[in-house]
Amino acid sequence: MANFMHEFDRLSRQAFKQGRALKEKDLPPAFKQAIVQGIADYQEILIERARPKVKINLAILDQIRSDAAETKESLLTEEERQLEAEEAEKITSESNKQVSESSAAEEKMTKDIDETAASGLGLDENEEQLLLALFSGQPYQDFLRQRHLLLSVVVDQINEKIFDEIGDAVIDCDGQKAEIVEDYRSDLADLLGIEEK
């Protein structure tokens, strides 16, 4: 115990650069390591305490934002107000247009696959839509993102379900993009009742 306390004193003086240096005493390495680690942890606590603390009152922030909005509104000219209103209307209409285009594309994708053939293979709606998108060259990333699906997982499921019919994987996927294997494209189209354009 005396050696432990001596080493603690010696290493503390060394770390904090205080007092005169002491001679090293014999102590098991695990004990020395524990002392060094304890001193290092304590130094980190001291550094953290020394950092200036910034306190943010969120209630005041809300008031500042509200005041800033009122000030901005009072400084706007009639022309600037009209431009802001037009910009907001334009953004809303573009957003609505994208949503309707996305819905229309999804609707078209589901209609193009022969439902009887697809259900006979055990394909679900997501797998059918990805297959059709690959056939028609349509983008499928947004569709997957909206439904929180991973491309590689859906591709694996399709390949597994169609393997018995074709005898091989029909879609190549590198995790980022997928494409139908050209050698099996016509067989797959016949199997699913898809009319290629």
C-alpha atoms as a PDB file:
ATOM      1  CA  MET A   1       0.000   0.000   0.000  1.00  0.00           C
ATOM      2  CA  ALA A   2       2.879   2.344   0.793  1.00  0.00           C
ATOM      3  CA  ASN A   3       4.369   1.727  -2.669  1.00  0.00           C
ATOM      4  CA  PHE A   4       0.971   2.336  -4.290  1.00  0.00           C
ATOM      5  CA  MET A   5       0.538   5.685  -2.507  1.00  0.00           C
ATOM      6  CA  HIS A   6       4.134   6.651  -3.331  1.00  0.00           C
ATOM      7  CA  GLU A   7       3.601   5.903  -7.056  1.00  0.00           C
ATOM      8  CA  PHE A   8       0.294   7.753  -7.024  1.00  0.00           C
ATOM      9  CA  ASP A   9       2.070  10.785  -5.556  1.00  0.00           C
ATOM     10  CA  ARG A  10       4.974  10.507  -8.009  1.00  0.00           C
ATOM     11  CA  LEU A  11       2.787  10.145 -11.119  1.00  0.00           C
ATOM     12  CA  SER A  12       0.443  12.940  -9.975  1.00  0.00           C
ATOM     13  CA  ARG A  13       3.392  15.319  -9.520  1.00  0.00           C
ATOM     14  CA  GLN A  14       4.641  14.324 -12.951  1.00  0.00           C
ATOM     15  CA  ALA A  15       1.245  14.806 -14.646  1.00  0.00           C
ATOM     16  CA  PHE A  16       0.430  18.132 -12.965  1.00  0.00           C
ATOM     17  CA  LYS A  17       4.041  19.377 -12.962  1.00  0.00           C
ATOM     18  CA  GLN A  18       4.022  20.144  -9.229  1.00  0.00           C
ATOM     19  CA  GLY A  19       6.614  19.576  -6.515  1.00  0.00           C
ATOM     20  CA  ARG A  20       9.917  17.830  -6.942  1.00  0.00           C
ATOM     21  CA  ALA A  21      10.281  14.526  -8.766  1.00  0.00           C
ATOM     22  CA  LEU A  22      10.217  11.345  -6.684  1.00  0.00           C
ATOM     23  CA  LYS A  23      12.065   8.086  -7.232  1.00  0.00           C
ATOM     24  CA  GLU A  24      10.061   5.283  -8.814  1.00  0.00           C
ATOM     25  CA  LYS A  25       9.005   2.427  -6.500  1.00  0.00           C
ATOM     26  CA  ASP A  26       8.309  -1.151  -7.482  1.00  0.00           C
ATOM     27  CA  LEU A  27       4.599  -1.679  -8.275  1.00  0.00           C
ATOM     28  CA  PRO A  28       2.769  -4.205 -10.506  1.00  0.00           C
ATOM     29  CA  PRO A  29       2.171  -2.802 -14.058  1.00  0.00           C
ATOM     30  CA  ALA A  30      -1.614  -3.149 -13.744  1.00  0.00           C
ATOM     31  CA  PHE A  31      -1.628  -0.842 -10.705  1.00  0.00           C
ATOM     32  CA  LYS A  32       0.568   1.725 -12.464  1.00  0.00           C
ATOM     33  CA  GLN A  33      -1.731   1.619 -15.501  1.00  0.00           C
ATOM     34  CA  ALA A  34      -4.783   2.171 -13.263  1.00  0.00           C
ATOM     35  CA  ILE A  35      -3.134   5.206 -11.630  1.00  0.00           C
ATOM     36  CA  VAL A  36      -2.137   6.707 -15.011  1.00  0.00           C
ATOM     37  CA  GLN A  37      -5.663   6.149 -16.389  1.00  0.00           C
ATOM     38  CA  GLY A  38      -7.255   7.698 -13.295  1.00  0.00           C
ATOM     39  CA  ILE A  39      -5.044  10.779 -13.538  1.00  0.00           C
ATOM     40  CA  ALA A  40      -5.831  11.124 -17.278  1.00  0.00           C
ATOM     41  CA  ASP A  41      -9.590  10.891 -16.595  1.00  0.00           C
ATOM     42  CA  TYR A  42      -9.310  13.525 -13.863  1.00  0.00           C
ATOM     43  CA  GLN A  43      -7.378  15.863 -16.206  1.00  0.00           C
ATOM     44  CA  GLU A  44     -10.180  15.531 -18.782  1.00  0.00           C
ATOM     45  CA  ILE A  45     -12.745  16.449 -16.113  1.00  0.00           C
ATOM     46  CA  LEU A  46     -10.711  19.547 -15.206  1.00  0.00           C
ATOM     47  CA  ILE A  47     -10.471  20.591 -18.876  1.00  0.00           C
ATOM     48  CA  GLU A  48     -14.231  20.124 -19.309  1.00  0.00           C
ATOM     49  CA  ARG A  49     -14.953  22.219 -16.185  1.00  0.00           C
ATOM     50  CA  ALA A  50     -12.662  25.005 -17.422  1.00  0.00           C
ATOM     51  CA  ARG A  51     -14.566  25.361 -20.719  1.00  0.00           C
ATOM     52  CA  PRO A  52     -16.917  28.352 -20.745  1.00  0.00           C
ATOM     53  CA  LYS A  53     -20.562  27.280 -20.595  1.00  0.00           C
ATOM     54  CA  VAL A  54     -23.089  28.850 -22.911  1.00  0.00           C
ATOM     55  CA  LYS A  55     -26.686  28.722 -21.734  1.00  0.00           C
ATOM     56  CA  ILE A  56     -29.401  29.138 -24.315  1.00  0.00           C
ATOM     57  CA  ASN A  57     -32.891  30.064 -23.262  1.00  0.00           C
ATOM     58  CA  LEU A  58     -35.157  28.605 -25.952  1.00  0.00           C
ATOM     59  CA  ALA A  59     -38.071  30.787 -24.902  1.00  0.00           C
ATOM     60  CA  ILE A  60     -35.990  33.864 -25.684  1.00  0.00           C
ATOM     61  CA  LEU A  61     -34.948  32.375 -29.045  1.00  0.00           C
ATOM     62  CA  ASP A  62     -38.592  32.001 -30.038  1.00  0.00           C
ATOM     63  CA  GLN A  63     -39.221  35.629 -29.116  1.00  0.00           C
ATOM     64  CA  ILE A  64     -36.168  36.764 -31.134  1.00  0.00           C
ATOM     65  CA  ARG A  65     -37.372  34.801 -34.184  1.00  0.00           C
ATOM     66  CA  SER A  66     -40.848  36.258 -33.824  1.00  0.00           C
ATOM     67  CA  ASP A  67     -39.480  39.818 -33.544  1.00  0.00           C
ATOM     68  CA  ALA A  68     -37.188  39.271 -36.539  1.00  0.00           C
ATOM     69  CA  ALA A  69     -40.111  38.009 -38.646  1.00  0.00           C
ATOM     70  CA  GLU A  70     -42.207  41.061 -37.716  1.00  0.00           C
ATOM     71  CA  THR A  71     -39.327  43.417 -38.518  1.00  0.00           C
ATOM     72  CA  LYS A  72     -38.719  41.715 -41.878  1.00  0.00           C
ATOM     73  CA  GLU A  73     -42.423  41.881 -42.712  1.00  0.00           C
ATOM     74  CA  SER A  74     -42.601  45.587 -41.880  1.00  0.00           C
ATOM     75  CA  LEU A  75     -39.584  46.344 -44.088  1.00  0.00           C
ATOM     76  CA  LEU A  76     -40.904  44.514 -47.175  1.00  0.00           C
ATOM     77  CA  THR A  77     -42.230  46.573 -50.037  1.00  0.00           C
ATOM     78  CA  GLU A  78     -45.446  45.626 -51.837  1.00  0.00           C
ATOM     79  CA  GLU A  79     -43.401  44.282 -54.788  1.00  0.00           C
ATOM     80  CA  GLU A  80     -41.304  42.045 -52.524  1.00  0.00           C
ATOM     81  CA  ARG A  81     -44.431  40.674 -50.814  1.00  0.00           C
ATOM     82  CA  GLN A  82     -45.927  39.830 -54.200  1.00  0.00           C
ATOM     83  CA  LEU A  83     -42.703  38.121 -55.334  1.00  0.00           C
ATOM     84  CA  GLU A  84     -42.604  36.026 -52.140  1.00  0.00           C
ATOM     85  CA  ALA A  85     -46.230  34.966 -52.612  1.00  0.00           C
ATOM     86  CA  GLU A  86     -45.570  33.976 -56.244  1.00  0.00           C
ATOM     87  CA  GLU A  87     -42.466  31.997 -55.233  1.00  0.00           C
ATOM     88  CA  ALA A  88     -44.380  30.117 -52.518  1.00  0.00           C
ATOM     89  CA  GLU A  89     -47.189  29.334 -54.989  1.00  0.00           C
ATOM     90  CA  LYS A  90     -44.686  28.100 -57.573  1.00  0.00           C
ATOM     91  CA  ILE A  91     -42.970  25.796 -55.042  1.00  0.00           C
ATOM     92  CA  THR A  92     -46.353  24.375 -53.944  1.00  0.00           C
ATOM     93  CA  SER A  93     -47.502  23.711 -57.516  1.00  0.00           C
ATOM     94  CA  GLU A  94     -44.180  22.026 -58.431  1.00  0.00           C
ATOM     95  CA  SER A  95     -44.409  19.829 -55.349  1.00  0.00           C
ATOM     96  CA  ASN A  96     -48.003  18.812 -56.198  1.00  0.00           C
ATOM     97  CA  LYS A  97     -47.000  18.106 -59.792  1.00  0.00           C
ATOM     98  CA  GLN A  98     -44.146  15.817 -58.699  1.00  0.00           C
ATOM     99  CA  VAL A  99     -46.435  13.899 -56.345  1.00  0.00           C
ATOM    100  CA  SER A 100     -49.074  13.392 -59.058  1.00  0.00           C
ATOM    101  CA  GLU A 101     -46.432  12.325 -61.639  1.00  0.00           C
ATOM    102  CA  SER A 102     -44.991   9.840 -59.150  1.00  0.00           C
ATOM    103  CA  SER A 103     -48.453   8.411 -58.433  1.00  0.00           C
ATOM    104  CA  ALA A 104     -49.263   8.164 -62.145  1.00  0.00           C
ATOM    105  CA  ALA A 105     -45.978   6.360 -62.844  1.00  0.00           C
ATOM    106  CA  GLU A 106     -46.647   3.878 -60.028  1.00  0.00           C
ATOM    107  CA  GLU A 107     -50.183   3.265 -61.318  1.00  0.00           C
ATOM    108  CA  LYS A 108     -48.902   2.619 -64.849  1.00  0.00           C
ATOM    109  CA  MET A 109     -46.219   0.278 -63.536  1.00  0.00           C
ATOM    110  CA  THR A 110     -48.736  -1.901 -61.706  1.00  0.00           C
ATOM    111  CA  LYS A 111     -51.091  -2.128 -64.704  1.00  0.00           C
ATOM    112  CA  ASP A 112     -48.404  -3.339 -67.124  1.00  0.00           C
ATOM    113  CA  ILE A 113     -47.669  -6.631 -65.323  1.00  0.00           C
ATOM    114  CA  ASP A 114     -50.058  -9.539 -65.756  1.00  0.00           C
ATOM    115  CA  GLU A 115     -51.316  -9.888 -62.168  1.00  0.00           C
ATOM    116  CA  THR A 116     -52.084 -13.602 -62.493  1.00  0.00           C
ATOM    117  CA  ALA A 117     -48.566 -14.413 -63.702  1.00  0.00           C
ATOM    118  CA  ALA A 118     -46.948 -12.270 -61.027  1.00  0.00           C
ATOM    119  CA  SER A 119     -49.014 -13.738 -58.203  1.00  0.00           C
ATOM    120  CA  GLY A 120     -48.335 -17.256 -59.521  1.00  0.00           C
ATOM    121  CA  LEU A 121     -44.626 -16.561 -58.993  1.00  0.00           C
ATOM    122  CA  GLY A 122     -45.300 -15.188 -55.520  1.00  0.00           C
ATOM    123  CA  LEU A 123     -44.162 -11.636 -56.364  1.00  0.00           C
ATOM    124  CA  ASP A 124     -45.515  -8.888 -54.143  1.00  0.00           C
ATOM    125  CA  GLU A 125     -46.467  -5.380 -55.290  1.00  0.00           C
ATOM    126  CA  ASN A 126     -43.028  -3.883 -54.585  1.00  0.00           C
ATOM    127  CA  GLU A 127     -41.244  -6.620 -56.530  1.00  0.00           C
ATOM    128  CA  GLU A 128     -43.669  -6.234 -59.468  1.00  0.00           C
ATOM    129  CA  GLN A 129     -43.126  -2.481 -59.604  1.00  0.00           C
ATOM    130  CA  LEU A 130     -39.335  -2.794 -59.507  1.00  0.00           C
ATOM    131  CA  LEU A 131     -39.424  -5.406 -62.308  1.00  0.00           C
ATOM    132  CA  LEU A 132     -41.585  -3.186 -64.486  1.00  0.00           C
ATOM    133  CA  ALA A 133     -39.390  -0.149 -63.826  1.00  0.00           C
ATOM    134  CA  LEU A 134     -36.339  -2.173 -64.894  1.00  0.00           C
ATOM    135  CA  PHE A 135     -38.123  -3.376 -68.047  1.00  0.00           C
ATOM    136  CA  SER A 136     -39.268   0.084 -69.078  1.00  0.00           C
ATOM    137  CA  GLY A 137     -36.099   1.917 -68.019  1.00  0.00           C
ATOM    138  CA  GLN A 138     -38.010   4.098 -65.565  1.00  0.00           C
ATOM    139  CA  PRO A 139     -36.318   5.469 -62.439  1.00  0.00           C
ATOM    140  CA  TYR A 140     -37.054   3.382 -59.360  1.00  0.00           C
ATOM    141  CA  GLN A 141     -34.954   5.111 -56.670  1.00  0.00           C
ATOM    142  CA  ASP A 142     -37.775   7.404 -55.460  1.00  0.00           C
ATOM    143  CA  PHE A 143     -40.206   4.471 -55.314  1.00  0.00           C
ATOM    144  CA  LEU A 144     -37.767   2.479 -53.138  1.00  0.00           C
ATOM    145  CA  ARG A 145     -36.997   5.489 -50.932  1.00  0.00           C
ATOM    146  CA  GLN A 146     -40.680   6.283 -50.338  1.00  0.00           C
ATOM    147  CA  ARG A 147     -41.340   2.690 -49.260  1.00  0.00           C
ATOM    148  CA  HIS A 148     -38.096   2.412 -47.253  1.00  0.00           C
ATOM    149  CA  LEU A 149     -36.847  -0.543 -49.324  1.00  0.00           C
ATOM    150  CA  LEU A 150     -33.274  -1.616 -50.074  1.00  0.00           C
ATOM    151  CA  LEU A 151     -32.610  -2.293 -53.746  1.00  0.00           C
ATOM    152  CA  SER A 152     -30.379  -5.317 -53.114  1.00  0.00           C
ATOM    153  CA  VAL A 153     -32.968  -6.936 -50.805  1.00  0.00           C
ATOM    154  CA  VAL A 154     -35.840  -6.568 -53.302  1.00  0.00           C
ATOM    155  CA  VAL A 155     -33.627  -7.834 -56.148  1.00  0.00           C
ATOM    156  CA  ASP A 156     -32.601 -10.886 -54.090  1.00  0.00           C
ATOM    157  CA  GLN A 157     -36.263 -11.652 -53.362  1.00  0.00           C
ATOM    158  CA  ILE A 158     -37.186 -11.424 -57.065  1.00  0.00           C
ATOM    159  CA  ASN A 159     -34.239 -13.592 -58.148  1.00  0.00           C
ATOM    160  CA  GLU A 160     -35.119 -16.195 -55.519  1.00  0.00           C
ATOM    161  CA  LYS A 161     -38.792 -16.386 -56.545  1.00  0.00           C
ATOM    162  CA  ILE A 162     -38.077 -16.626 -60.282  1.00  0.00           C
ATOM    163  CA  PHE A 163     -35.081 -18.997 -59.982  1.00  0.00           C
ATOM    164  CA  ASP A 164     -37.214 -22.153 -60.348  1.00  0.00           C
ATOM    165  CA  GLU A 165     -38.721 -20.877 -63.620  1.00  0.00           C
ATOM    166  CA  ILE A 166     -35.582 -19.460 -65.301  1.00  0.00           C
ATOM    167  CA  GLY A 167     -32.845 -21.419 -63.486  1.00  0.00           C
ATOM    168  CA  ASP A 168     -30.627 -18.384 -62.892  1.00  0.00           C
ATOM    169  CA  ALA A 169     -30.629 -14.852 -61.422  1.00  0.00           C
ATOM    170  CA  VAL A 170     -32.570 -12.586 -63.791  1.00  0.00           C
ATOM    171  CA  ILE A 171     -31.446  -9.254 -62.292  1.00  0.00           C
ATOM    172  CA  ASP A 172     -27.878  -8.065 -61.737  1.00  0.00           C
ATOM    173  CA  CYS A 173     -27.416  -5.678 -58.810  1.00  0.00           C
ATOM    174  CA  ASP A 174     -24.309  -4.010 -57.381  1.00  0.00           C
ATOM    175  CA  GLY A 175     -26.203  -2.451 -54.467  1.00  0.00           C
ATOM    176  CA  GLN A 176     -26.494   0.956 -56.173  1.00  0.00           C
ATOM    177  CA  LYS A 177     -28.171   0.060 -59.478  1.00  0.00           C
ATOM    178  CA  ALA A 178     -29.876  -2.957 -60.981  1.00  0.00           C
ATOM    179  CA  GLU A 179     -30.593  -4.216 -64.483  1.00  0.00           C
ATOM    180  CA  ILE A 180     -32.256  -7.209 -66.067  1.00  0.00           C
ATOM    181  CA  VAL A 181     -29.827  -9.770 -67.479  1.00  0.00           C
ATOM    182  CA  GLU A 182     -30.225  -9.397 -71.257  1.00  0.00           C
ATOM    183  CA  ASP A 183     -30.079 -13.179 -71.903  1.00  0.00           C
ATOM    184  CA  TYR A 184     -33.239 -13.682 -69.835  1.00  0.00           C
ATOM    185  CA  ARG A 185     -35.136 -10.522 -70.767  1.00  0.00           C
ATOM    186  CA  SER A 186     -37.523 -12.087 -73.304  1.00  0.00           C
ATOM    187  CA  ASP A 187     -38.096 -15.212 -71.155  1.00  0.00           C
ATOM    188  CA  LEU A 188     -38.936 -13.012 -68.194  1.00  0.00           C
ATOM    189  CA  ALA A 189     -41.267 -10.830 -70.287  1.00  0.00           C
ATOM    190  CA  ASP A 190     -43.153 -13.951 -71.488  1.00  0.00           C
ATOM    191  CA  LEU A 191     -43.299 -15.328 -67.968  1.00  0.00           C
ATOM    192  CA  LEU A 192     -44.797 -12.119 -66.574  1.00  0.00           C
ATOM    193  CA  GLY A 193     -46.995 -11.259 -69.548  1.00  0.00           C
ATOM    194  CA  ILE A 194     -45.150  -7.971 -70.140  1.00  0.00           C
ATOM    195  CA  GLU A 195     -45.314  -6.539 -73.644  1.00  0.00           C
ATOM    196  CA  GLU A 196     -41.913  -5.036 -74.448  1.00  0.00           C
ATOM    197  CA  LYS A 197     -41.895  -1.826 -76.407  1.00  0.00           C
END
